[in-house]
């Protein structure tokens, strides 16, 4: 499942893959290291736009 976040003025400006248990994996920037974050994180929680399966 894909997680969509609004990290700029545009909706769905950042995407990650939902892992379950309120966690997702993403690269914070094009040169950033891939990492696992919590959707409850104070930065990501208010920016969460939704999740979708793309099948």
N, C-alpha and C. Protein backbone atom coordinates (compact mmCIF):
# COMPACT_ATOMS: atom_id res chain seq x y z
N UNK A 1 0.85 -1.17 0.00
CA UNK A 1 0.00 0.00 0.00
C UNK A 1 0.90 1.23 0.00
N UNK A 2 0.54 2.21 -0.79
CA UNK A 2 1.29 3.46 -0.90
C UNK A 2 0.75 4.49 0.09
N UNK A 3 1.63 5.21 0.75
CA UNK A 3 1.25 6.31 1.65
C UNK A 3 1.57 7.62 0.96
N UNK A 4 0.64 8.53 1.02
CA UNK A 4 0.83 9.84 0.39
C UNK A 4 0.86 10.92 1.46
N UNK A 5 1.84 11.79 1.35
CA UNK A 5 2.01 12.86 2.32
C UNK A 5 2.13 14.20 1.61
N UNK A 6 1.78 15.25 2.32
CA UNK A 6 1.89 16.61 1.78
C UNK A 6 3.03 17.31 2.52
N UNK A 7 4.20 17.32 1.90
CA UNK A 7 5.37 17.93 2.52
C UNK A 7 5.75 19.27 1.89
N UNK A 8 5.01 19.65 0.84
CA UNK A 8 5.18 20.97 0.21
C UNK A 8 3.78 21.56 0.01
N UNK A 9 3.66 22.57 -0.80
CA UNK A 9 2.35 23.18 -1.04
C UNK A 9 1.43 22.30 -1.88
N UNK A 10 1.98 21.29 -2.55
CA UNK A 10 1.18 20.41 -3.40
C UNK A 10 0.72 19.17 -2.62
N UNK A 11 -0.48 18.71 -2.89
CA UNK A 11 -0.94 17.45 -2.30
C UNK A 11 -0.13 16.31 -2.89
N UNK A 12 0.02 15.28 -2.12
CA UNK A 12 0.74 14.07 -2.53
C UNK A 12 2.15 14.40 -3.03
N UNK A 13 2.87 15.22 -2.30
CA UNK A 13 4.21 15.62 -2.71
C UNK A 13 5.29 14.64 -2.26
N UNK A 14 4.92 13.67 -1.43
CA UNK A 14 5.88 12.67 -0.96
C UNK A 14 5.16 11.33 -0.85
N UNK A 15 5.84 10.26 -1.21
CA UNK A 15 5.23 8.94 -1.23
C UNK A 15 6.12 7.95 -0.50
N UNK A 16 5.49 7.04 0.23
CA UNK A 16 6.20 5.96 0.89
C UNK A 16 5.39 4.68 0.76
N UNK A 17 5.93 3.58 1.23
CA UNK A 17 5.23 2.30 1.21
C UNK A 17 4.86 1.92 2.63
N UNK A 18 3.57 1.71 2.87
CA UNK A 18 3.08 1.35 4.20
C UNK A 18 3.51 -0.07 4.54
N UNK A 19 4.07 -0.24 5.73
CA UNK A 19 4.56 -1.54 6.18
C UNK A 19 3.63 -2.22 7.17
N UNK A 20 2.67 -1.47 7.71
CA UNK A 20 1.81 -1.99 8.77
C UNK A 20 2.26 -1.43 10.11
N UNK A 21 1.41 -1.58 11.11
CA UNK A 21 1.73 -1.12 12.47
C UNK A 21 2.13 0.35 12.50
N UNK A 22 1.44 1.19 11.70
CA UNK A 22 1.67 2.64 11.65
C UNK A 22 3.07 3.04 11.17
N UNK A 23 3.73 2.17 10.41
CA UNK A 23 5.07 2.46 9.92
C UNK A 23 5.10 2.45 8.39
N UNK A 24 5.99 3.27 7.81
CA UNK A 24 6.17 3.29 6.37
C UNK A 24 7.65 3.47 6.05
N UNK A 25 8.03 3.07 4.84
CA UNK A 25 9.40 3.19 4.39
C UNK A 25 9.45 4.23 3.27
N UNK A 26 10.49 5.06 3.28
CA UNK A 26 10.60 6.12 2.28
C UNK A 26 12.03 6.63 2.23
N UNK A 27 12.33 7.38 1.19
CA UNK A 27 13.60 8.11 1.09
C UNK A 27 13.26 9.58 1.31
N UNK A 28 13.84 10.23 2.29
CA UNK A 28 13.49 11.61 2.59
C UNK A 28 13.86 12.61 1.51
N UNK A 29 14.78 12.25 0.63
CA UNK A 29 15.15 13.10 -0.51
C UNK A 29 15.75 12.21 -1.59
N UNK A 30 15.99 12.77 -2.76
CA UNK A 30 16.54 11.95 -3.85
C UNK A 30 17.93 11.42 -3.51
N UNK A 31 18.66 12.11 -2.67
CA UNK A 31 19.98 11.64 -2.24
C UNK A 31 19.95 11.06 -0.83
N UNK A 32 18.76 11.01 -0.24
CA UNK A 32 18.63 10.56 1.14
C UNK A 32 18.70 9.05 1.29
N UNK A 33 18.98 8.62 2.48
CA UNK A 33 19.04 7.20 2.81
C UNK A 33 17.63 6.70 3.11
N UNK A 34 17.27 5.56 2.55
CA UNK A 34 15.94 4.98 2.78
C UNK A 34 15.82 4.62 4.25
N UNK A 35 14.66 4.95 4.85
CA UNK A 35 14.47 4.65 6.27
C UNK A 35 13.02 4.36 6.59
N UNK A 36 12.81 3.78 7.73
CA UNK A 36 11.48 3.45 8.22
C UNK A 36 11.09 4.49 9.25
N UNK A 37 9.87 5.03 9.11
CA UNK A 37 9.36 6.06 10.01
C UNK A 37 7.98 5.66 10.52
N UNK A 38 7.58 6.28 11.60
CA UNK A 38 6.23 6.09 12.13
C UNK A 38 5.30 7.16 11.57
N UNK A 39 4.10 6.75 11.20
CA UNK A 39 3.11 7.74 10.76
C UNK A 39 2.60 8.57 11.95
N UNK A 40 2.94 8.17 13.16
CA UNK A 40 2.59 8.94 14.36
C UNK A 40 3.64 10.00 14.68
N UNK A 41 4.74 10.01 13.93
CA UNK A 41 5.81 10.98 14.09
C UNK A 41 5.23 12.40 14.03
N UNK A 42 5.72 13.31 14.87
CA UNK A 42 5.17 14.67 14.93
C UNK A 42 5.30 15.41 13.60
N UNK A 43 6.27 15.04 12.77
CA UNK A 43 6.40 15.66 11.45
C UNK A 43 5.42 15.05 10.45
N UNK A 44 5.33 13.73 10.40
CA UNK A 44 4.53 13.07 9.38
C UNK A 44 3.03 12.99 9.69
N UNK A 45 2.66 12.89 10.93
CA UNK A 45 1.23 12.73 11.29
C UNK A 45 0.34 13.81 10.67
N UNK A 46 0.66 15.09 10.81
CA UNK A 46 -0.22 16.10 10.22
C UNK A 46 -0.12 16.21 8.69
N UNK A 47 0.88 15.58 8.11
CA UNK A 47 1.09 15.66 6.67
C UNK A 47 0.54 14.45 5.91
N UNK A 48 0.06 13.47 6.64
CA UNK A 48 -0.49 12.25 6.01
C UNK A 48 -1.75 12.60 5.25
N UNK A 49 -1.79 12.27 3.96
CA UNK A 49 -2.93 12.58 3.09
C UNK A 49 -3.80 11.35 2.85
N UNK A 50 -3.23 10.16 2.94
CA UNK A 50 -4.01 8.95 2.71
C UNK A 50 -3.14 7.82 2.21
N UNK A 51 -3.75 6.66 2.04
CA UNK A 51 -3.04 5.47 1.55
C UNK A 51 -3.94 4.78 0.53
N UNK A 52 -3.29 4.19 -0.47
CA UNK A 52 -4.02 3.53 -1.55
C UNK A 52 -3.26 2.30 -2.01
N UNK A 53 -3.99 1.32 -2.47
CA UNK A 53 -3.35 0.22 -3.19
C UNK A 53 -3.44 0.54 -4.67
N UNK A 54 -2.42 0.23 -5.38
CA UNK A 54 -2.38 0.53 -6.81
C UNK A 54 -2.29 -0.78 -7.58
N UNK A 55 -3.37 -1.48 -7.61
CA UNK A 55 -3.41 -2.77 -8.29
C UNK A 55 -4.37 -2.72 -9.45
